[in-house]
Amino acid sequence: MRLFGPLYDRVLAWSAHRRGPAVLGVLSFAESSVFPVPPDVMLMPMTLARPRCWWGFALIATAGSVLGGLLGYLIGLWAIEAIQPWLAESHYAAGFERAREWFAAWGFWAVLVAGFSPIPYKVFTIAAGAMAMNPLGFVLASFVGRGARFFLVSGLVAWAGPRVAPKLRQYIEWLGWLFVALLLMAIGIWQTM
């Protein structure tokens, strides 16, 4: 089944669009509080298309993600009771409870690690608000965690991308399914912790 090739071509076309940075900012914002697609799917092809702009793209992704994280924080702070019934029935319920446990044990470090890792960041933003984490600590941990992730990803793509790009399209289906398998494994491991 060819799924990732056409998707890759479409994302490359979007990333080269003049409104690509705005789309990256909106995607980064939405992913941190409600949307399931990570901004990396836009960040990597944009950096591949324009490697000299890698740091600007990483900064847009970081700023959008931290602002979206603040929305998640406010949802947790002010509306946790309202979303509790939905949360209990969603696939995020176990993750949310785990995030609350991590906050009780590690606080600032839980947000920082969640910001950098493939763990759904939105779960931690909402949990941070629900647990009334110090807002300044939350923003700082988010900037460090998300910034480290996006600058690392964008920097690596800018450095290796021009050399790898010609071969990437050839192996995109295999790489796409490998990424899905690794993501499912990471989620499975996270849920057993």
C-alpha atoms as a PDB file:
ATOM      1  CA  MET A   1       0.000   0.000   0.000  1.00  0.00           C
ATOM      2  CA  ARG A   2       1.515   3.322  -1.083  1.00  0.00           C
ATOM      3  CA  LEU A   3       0.618   5.844   1.576  1.00  0.00           C
ATOM      4  CA  PHE A   4       3.727   7.809   2.462  1.00  0.00           C
ATOM      5  CA  GLY A   5       4.971   8.661  -1.050  1.00  0.00           C
ATOM      6  CA  PRO A   6       1.945  10.762  -2.065  1.00  0.00           C
ATOM      7  CA  LEU A   7       1.770  12.253   1.427  1.00  0.00           C
ATOM      8  CA  TYR A   8       5.476  13.142   1.256  1.00  0.00           C
ATOM      9  CA  ASP A   9       4.972  14.842  -2.126  1.00  0.00           C
ATOM     10  CA  ARG A  10       1.993  16.818  -0.812  1.00  0.00           C
ATOM     11  CA  VAL A  11       3.823  17.953   2.337  1.00  0.00           C
ATOM     12  CA  LEU A  12       6.842  19.021   0.249  1.00  0.00           C
ATOM     13  CA  ALA A  13       4.525  21.121  -1.898  1.00  0.00           C
ATOM     14  CA  TRP A  14       2.946  22.719   1.196  1.00  0.00           C
ATOM     15  CA  SER A  15       6.351  23.336   2.762  1.00  0.00           C
ATOM     16  CA  ALA A  16       7.550  25.290  -0.258  1.00  0.00           C
ATOM     17  CA  HIS A  17       4.420  27.462  -0.224  1.00  0.00           C
ATOM     18  CA  ARG A  18       4.888  31.086   0.864  1.00  0.00           C
ATOM     19  CA  ARG A  19       2.462  30.492   3.751  1.00  0.00           C
ATOM     20  CA  GLY A  20       4.369  27.409   4.913  1.00  0.00           C
ATOM     21  CA  PRO A  21       5.823  29.120   8.014  1.00  0.00           C
ATOM     22  CA  ALA A  22       2.349  30.251   9.101  1.00  0.00           C
ATOM     23  CA  VAL A  23       0.999  26.720   8.631  1.00  0.00           C
ATOM     24  CA  LEU A  24       3.933  25.412  10.691  1.00  0.00           C
ATOM     25  CA  GLY A  25       3.123  27.873  13.492  1.00  0.00           C
ATOM     26  CA  VAL A  26      -0.575  26.956  13.507  1.00  0.00           C
ATOM     27  CA  LEU A  27       0.178  23.222  13.404  1.00  0.00           C
ATOM     28  CA  SER A  28       2.676  23.591  16.277  1.00  0.00           C
ATOM     29  CA  PHE A  29       0.119  25.545  18.314  1.00  0.00           C
ATOM     30  CA  ALA A  30      -2.708  23.076  17.706  1.00  0.00           C
ATOM     31  CA  GLU A  31      -0.605  19.962  18.361  1.00  0.00           C
ATOM     32  CA  SER A  32       0.325  21.157  21.847  1.00  0.00           C
ATOM     33  CA  SER A  33      -3.255  21.279  23.068  1.00  0.00           C
ATOM     34  CA  VAL A  34      -5.692  19.408  20.808  1.00  0.00           C
ATOM     35  CA  PHE A  35      -4.379  18.218  17.415  1.00  0.00           C
ATOM     36  CA  PRO A  36      -2.768  14.752  17.041  1.00  0.00           C
ATOM     37  CA  VAL A  37      -0.279  15.449  14.193  1.00  0.00           C
ATOM     38  CA  PRO A  38       3.216  16.572  15.341  1.00  0.00           C
ATOM     39  CA  PRO A  39       4.765  19.663  13.719  1.00  0.00           C
ATOM     40  CA  ASP A  40       7.772  17.602  12.625  1.00  0.00           C
ATOM     41  CA  VAL A  41       5.779  16.513   9.547  1.00  0.00           C
ATOM     42  CA  MET A  42       5.925  20.131   8.354  1.00  0.00           C
ATOM     43  CA  LEU A  43       9.226  21.164   9.947  1.00  0.00           C
ATOM     44  CA  MET A  44      11.361  18.487   8.285  1.00  0.00           C
ATOM     45  CA  PRO A  45      10.252  19.037   4.666  1.00  0.00           C
ATOM     46  CA  MET A  46      10.360  22.818   5.092  1.00  0.00           C
ATOM     47  CA  THR A  47      13.952  22.546   6.304  1.00  0.00           C
ATOM     48  CA  LEU A  48      14.727  20.135   3.489  1.00  0.00           C
ATOM     49  CA  ALA A  49      13.312  22.621   0.950  1.00  0.00           C
ATOM     50  CA  ARG A  50      15.169  25.613   2.471  1.00  0.00           C
ATOM     51  CA  PRO A  51      18.069  24.406   4.667  1.00  0.00           C
ATOM     52  CA  ARG A  52      19.421  27.929   5.268  1.00  0.00           C
ATOM     53  CA  CYS A  53      16.217  28.827   7.114  1.00  0.00           C
ATOM     54  CA  TRP A  54      16.395  25.872   9.533  1.00  0.00           C
ATOM     55  CA  TRP A  55      16.787  27.959  12.694  1.00  0.00           C
ATOM     56  CA  GLY A  56      13.840  30.217  11.778  1.00  0.00           C
ATOM     57  CA  PHE A  57      11.598  27.212  11.164  1.00  0.00           C
ATOM     58  CA  ALA A  58      12.688  25.653  14.475  1.00  0.00           C
ATOM     59  CA  LEU A  59      11.950  28.935  16.254  1.00  0.00           C
ATOM     60  CA  ILE A  60       8.465  29.139  14.710  1.00  0.00           C
ATOM     61  CA  ALA A  61       7.724  25.545  15.733  1.00  0.00           C
ATOM     62  CA  THR A  62       9.000  26.179  19.263  1.00  0.00           C
ATOM     63  CA  ALA A  63       7.070  29.423  19.763  1.00  0.00           C
ATOM     64  CA  GLY A  64       3.849  27.963  18.334  1.00  0.00           C
ATOM     65  CA  SER A  65       4.204  24.853  20.453  1.00  0.00           C
ATOM     66  CA  VAL A  66       4.812  26.772  23.691  1.00  0.00           C
ATOM     67  CA  LEU A  67       1.839  29.058  23.009  1.00  0.00           C
ATOM     68  CA  GLY A  68      -0.329  26.012  22.262  1.00  0.00           C
ATOM     69  CA  GLY A  69       1.020  24.430  25.437  1.00  0.00           C
ATOM     70  CA  LEU A  70      -0.235  27.460  27.363  1.00  0.00           C
ATOM     71  CA  LEU A  71      -3.697  26.844  25.909  1.00  0.00           C
ATOM     72  CA  GLY A  72      -3.476  23.230  27.087  1.00  0.00           C
ATOM     73  CA  TYR A  73      -2.346  24.471  30.495  1.00  0.00           C
ATOM     74  CA  LEU A  74      -5.378  26.793  30.690  1.00  0.00           C
ATOM     75  CA  ILE A  75      -7.693  23.961  29.641  1.00  0.00           C
ATOM     76  CA  GLY A  76      -6.298  21.878  32.483  1.00  0.00           C
ATOM     77  CA  LEU A  77      -6.453  24.758  34.952  1.00  0.00           C
ATOM     78  CA  TRP A  78      -9.956  26.023  34.191  1.00  0.00           C
ATOM     79  CA  ALA A  79     -11.827  23.248  32.401  1.00  0.00           C
ATOM     80  CA  ILE A  80     -10.573  19.914  33.719  1.00  0.00           C
ATOM     81  CA  GLU A  81     -13.958  19.069  35.269  1.00  0.00           C
ATOM     82  CA  ALA A  82     -15.736  19.851  32.000  1.00  0.00           C
ATOM     83  CA  ILE A  83     -13.475  17.605  29.913  1.00  0.00           C
ATOM     84  CA  GLN A  84     -13.160  14.822  32.512  1.00  0.00           C
ATOM     85  CA  PRO A  85     -16.047  12.740  31.037  1.00  0.00           C
ATOM     86  CA  TRP A  86     -14.542  12.932  27.550  1.00  0.00           C
ATOM     87  CA  LEU A  87     -11.075  12.255  28.921  1.00  0.00           C
ATOM     88  CA  ALA A  88     -12.258   9.167  30.803  1.00  0.00           C
ATOM     89  CA  GLU A  89     -13.602   7.653  27.562  1.00  0.00           C
ATOM     90  CA  SER A  90     -10.710   8.695  25.314  1.00  0.00           C
ATOM     91  CA  HIS A  91      -7.480   6.842  24.642  1.00  0.00           C
ATOM     92  CA  TYR A  92      -5.696   9.654  26.519  1.00  0.00           C
ATOM     93  CA  ALA A  93      -7.170   8.670  29.938  1.00  0.00           C
ATOM     94  CA  ALA A  94      -4.358   6.324  30.973  1.00  0.00           C
ATOM     95  CA  GLY A  95      -1.732   8.742  29.678  1.00  0.00           C
ATOM     96  CA  PHE A  96      -3.314  11.612  31.575  1.00  0.00           C
ATOM     97  CA  GLU A  97      -3.251   9.660  34.837  1.00  0.00           C
ATOM     98  CA  ARG A  98       0.364   8.697  34.212  1.00  0.00           C
ATOM     99  CA  ALA A  99       1.202  12.333  33.486  1.00  0.00           C
ATOM    100  CA  ARG A 100      -0.368  13.352  36.810  1.00  0.00           C
ATOM    101  CA  GLU A 101       1.785  10.758  38.599  1.00  0.00           C
ATOM    102  CA  TRP A 102       4.901  12.037  36.839  1.00  0.00           C
ATOM    103  CA  PHE A 103       4.031  15.608  37.833  1.00  0.00           C
ATOM    104  CA  ALA A 104       3.684  14.586  41.446  1.00  0.00           C
ATOM    105  CA  ALA A 105       7.140  12.998  41.304  1.00  0.00           C
ATOM    106  CA  TRP A 106       9.115  15.239  38.901  1.00  0.00           C
ATOM    107  CA  GLY A 107       7.126  18.404  38.012  1.00  0.00           C
ATOM    108  CA  PHE A 108       9.361  20.622  35.843  1.00  0.00           C
ATOM    109  CA  TRP A 109      11.360  17.646  34.498  1.00  0.00           C
ATOM    110  CA  ALA A 110       8.197  15.823  33.405  1.00  0.00           C
ATOM    111  CA  VAL A 111       7.259  18.743  31.132  1.00  0.00           C
ATOM    112  CA  LEU A 112      10.797  19.069  29.795  1.00  0.00           C
ATOM    113  CA  VAL A 113      11.050  15.361  28.918  1.00  0.00           C
ATOM    114  CA  ALA A 114       7.536  15.308  27.422  1.00  0.00           C
ATOM    115  CA  GLY A 115       8.395  18.346  25.314  1.00  0.00           C
ATOM    116  CA  PHE A 116      11.412  16.630  23.823  1.00  0.00           C
ATOM    117  CA  SER A 117      10.087  13.097  23.460  1.00  0.00           C
ATOM    118  CA  PRO A 118       7.449  11.551  21.175  1.00  0.00           C
ATOM    119  CA  ILE A 119       5.100  11.265  24.182  1.00  0.00           C
ATOM    120  CA  PRO A 120       1.894  13.241  23.407  1.00  0.00           C
ATOM    121  CA  TYR A 121       2.844  16.677  24.743  1.00  0.00           C
ATOM    122  CA  LYS A 122      -0.785  17.821  24.938  1.00  0.00           C
ATOM    123  CA  VAL A 123      -1.432  15.312  27.745  1.00  0.00           C
ATOM    124  CA  PHE A 124       1.286  16.978  29.809  1.00  0.00           C
ATOM    125  CA  THR A 125       0.148  20.523  29.056  1.00  0.00           C
ATOM    126  CA  ILE A 126      -3.365  19.751  30.285  1.00  0.00           C
ATOM    127  CA  ALA A 127      -2.047  17.801  33.283  1.00  0.00           C
ATOM    128  CA  ALA A 128       0.263  20.707  34.196  1.00  0.00           C
ATOM    129  CA  GLY A 129      -2.744  23.025  34.343  1.00  0.00           C
ATOM    130  CA  ALA A 130      -4.885  20.508  36.217  1.00  0.00           C
ATOM    131  CA  MET A 131      -2.133  20.171  38.832  1.00  0.00           C
ATOM    132  CA  ALA A 132      -1.645  23.985  38.920  1.00  0.00           C
ATOM    133  CA  MET A 133       2.056  23.734  38.097  1.00  0.00           C
ATOM    134  CA  ASN A 134       3.984  26.985  38.433  1.00  0.00           C
ATOM    135  CA  PRO A 135       3.240  28.748  35.086  1.00  0.00           C
ATOM    136  CA  LEU A 136       6.750  30.193  34.783  1.00  0.00           C
ATOM    137  CA  GLY A 137       8.300  26.751  35.355  1.00  0.00           C
ATOM    138  CA  PHE A 138       5.879  25.286  32.810  1.00  0.00           C
ATOM    139  CA  VAL A 139       6.818  27.849  30.141  1.00  0.00           C
ATOM    140  CA  LEU A 140      10.535  27.451  30.824  1.00  0.00           C
ATOM    141  CA  ALA A 141      10.373  23.624  30.687  1.00  0.00           C
ATOM    142  CA  SER A 142       8.292  23.835  27.502  1.00  0.00           C
ATOM    143  CA  PHE A 143      10.743  26.207  25.797  1.00  0.00           C
ATOM    144  CA  VAL A 144      13.716  24.043  26.708  1.00  0.00           C
ATOM    145  CA  GLY A 145      12.070  20.688  25.838  1.00  0.00           C
ATOM    146  CA  ARG A 146      10.282  21.753  22.673  1.00  0.00           C
ATOM    147  CA  GLY A 147      13.120  24.013  21.556  1.00  0.00           C
ATOM    148  CA  ALA A 148      15.702  21.257  21.993  1.00  0.00           C
ATOM    149  CA  ARG A 149      13.572  18.876  19.962  1.00  0.00           C
ATOM    150  CA  PHE A 150      12.740  21.238  17.092  1.00  0.00           C
ATOM    151  CA  PHE A 151      16.211  22.766  16.818  1.00  0.00           C
ATOM    152  CA  LEU A 152      17.775  19.292  16.846  1.00  0.00           C
ATOM    153  CA  VAL A 153      15.391  17.945  14.192  1.00  0.00           C
ATOM    154  CA  SER A 154      15.662  21.016  11.985  1.00  0.00           C
ATOM    155  CA  GLY A 155      19.433  21.263  12.404  1.00  0.00           C
ATOM    156  CA  LEU A 156      19.965  17.604  11.521  1.00  0.00           C
ATOM    157  CA  VAL A 157      17.747  17.884   8.450  1.00  0.00           C
ATOM    158  CA  ALA A 158      19.563  21.053   7.316  1.00  0.00           C
ATOM    159  CA  TRP A 159      22.944  19.379   7.795  1.00  0.00           C
ATOM    160  CA  ALA A 160      22.172  15.960   6.289  1.00  0.00           C
ATOM    161  CA  GLY A 161      19.131  16.754   4.156  1.00  0.00           C
ATOM    162  CA  PRO A 162      20.780  17.898   0.925  1.00  0.00           C
ATOM    163  CA  ARG A 163      22.873  14.709   0.895  1.00  0.00           C
ATOM    164  CA  VAL A 164      19.980  12.431   1.855  1.00  0.00           C
ATOM    165  CA  ALA A 165      17.123  14.042  -0.114  1.00  0.00           C
ATOM    166  CA  PRO A 166      17.778  12.278  -3.433  1.00  0.00           C
ATOM    167  CA  LYS A 167      17.518   8.867  -1.720  1.00  0.00           C
ATOM    168  CA  LEU A 168      14.717   9.781   0.702  1.00  0.00           C
ATOM    169  CA  ARG A 169      11.903   9.663  -1.858  1.00  0.00           C
ATOM    170  CA  GLN A 170      13.070   6.238  -3.016  1.00  0.00           C
ATOM    171  CA  TYR A 171      12.741   4.761   0.505  1.00  0.00           C
ATOM    172  CA  ILE A 172       9.901   6.901   1.887  1.00  0.00           C
ATOM    173  CA  GLU A 173       7.358   4.059   2.095  1.00  0.00           C
ATOM    174  CA  TRP A 174       9.728   1.837   4.050  1.00  0.00           C
ATOM    175  CA  LEU A 175      10.799   4.729   6.316  1.00  0.00           C
ATOM    176  CA  GLY A 176       7.187   5.797   6.896  1.00  0.00           C
ATOM    177  CA  TRP A 177       6.108   2.352   8.042  1.00  0.00           C
ATOM    178  CA  LEU A 178       9.255   2.033  10.170  1.00  0.00           C
ATOM    179  CA  PHE A 179       8.377   5.329  11.867  1.00  0.00           C
ATOM    180  CA  VAL A 180       4.811   4.110  12.522  1.00  0.00           C
ATOM    181  CA  ALA A 181       6.155   0.881  14.046  1.00  0.00           C
ATOM    182  CA  LEU A 182       8.612   2.784  16.256  1.00  0.00           C
ATOM    183  CA  LEU A 183       5.907   5.208  17.341  1.00  0.00           C
ATOM    184  CA  LEU A 184       3.570   2.349  18.271  1.00  0.00           C
ATOM    185  CA  MET A 185       6.382   0.692  20.217  1.00  0.00           C
ATOM    186  CA  ALA A 186       7.138   3.943  22.060  1.00  0.00           C
ATOM    187  CA  ILE A 187       3.466   4.380  22.949  1.00  0.00           C
ATOM    188  CA  GLY A 188       3.265   0.760  24.116  1.00  0.00           C
ATOM    189  CA  ILE A 189       6.342   1.169  26.303  1.00  0.00           C
ATOM    190  CA  TRP A 190       5.026   4.477  27.664  1.00  0.00           C
ATOM    191  CA  GLN A 191       1.690   2.889  28.582  1.00  0.00           C
ATOM    192  CA  THR A 192       3.396   0.081  30.513  1.00  0.00           C
ATOM    193  CA  MET A 193       5.473   2.502  32.605  1.00  0.00           C
END
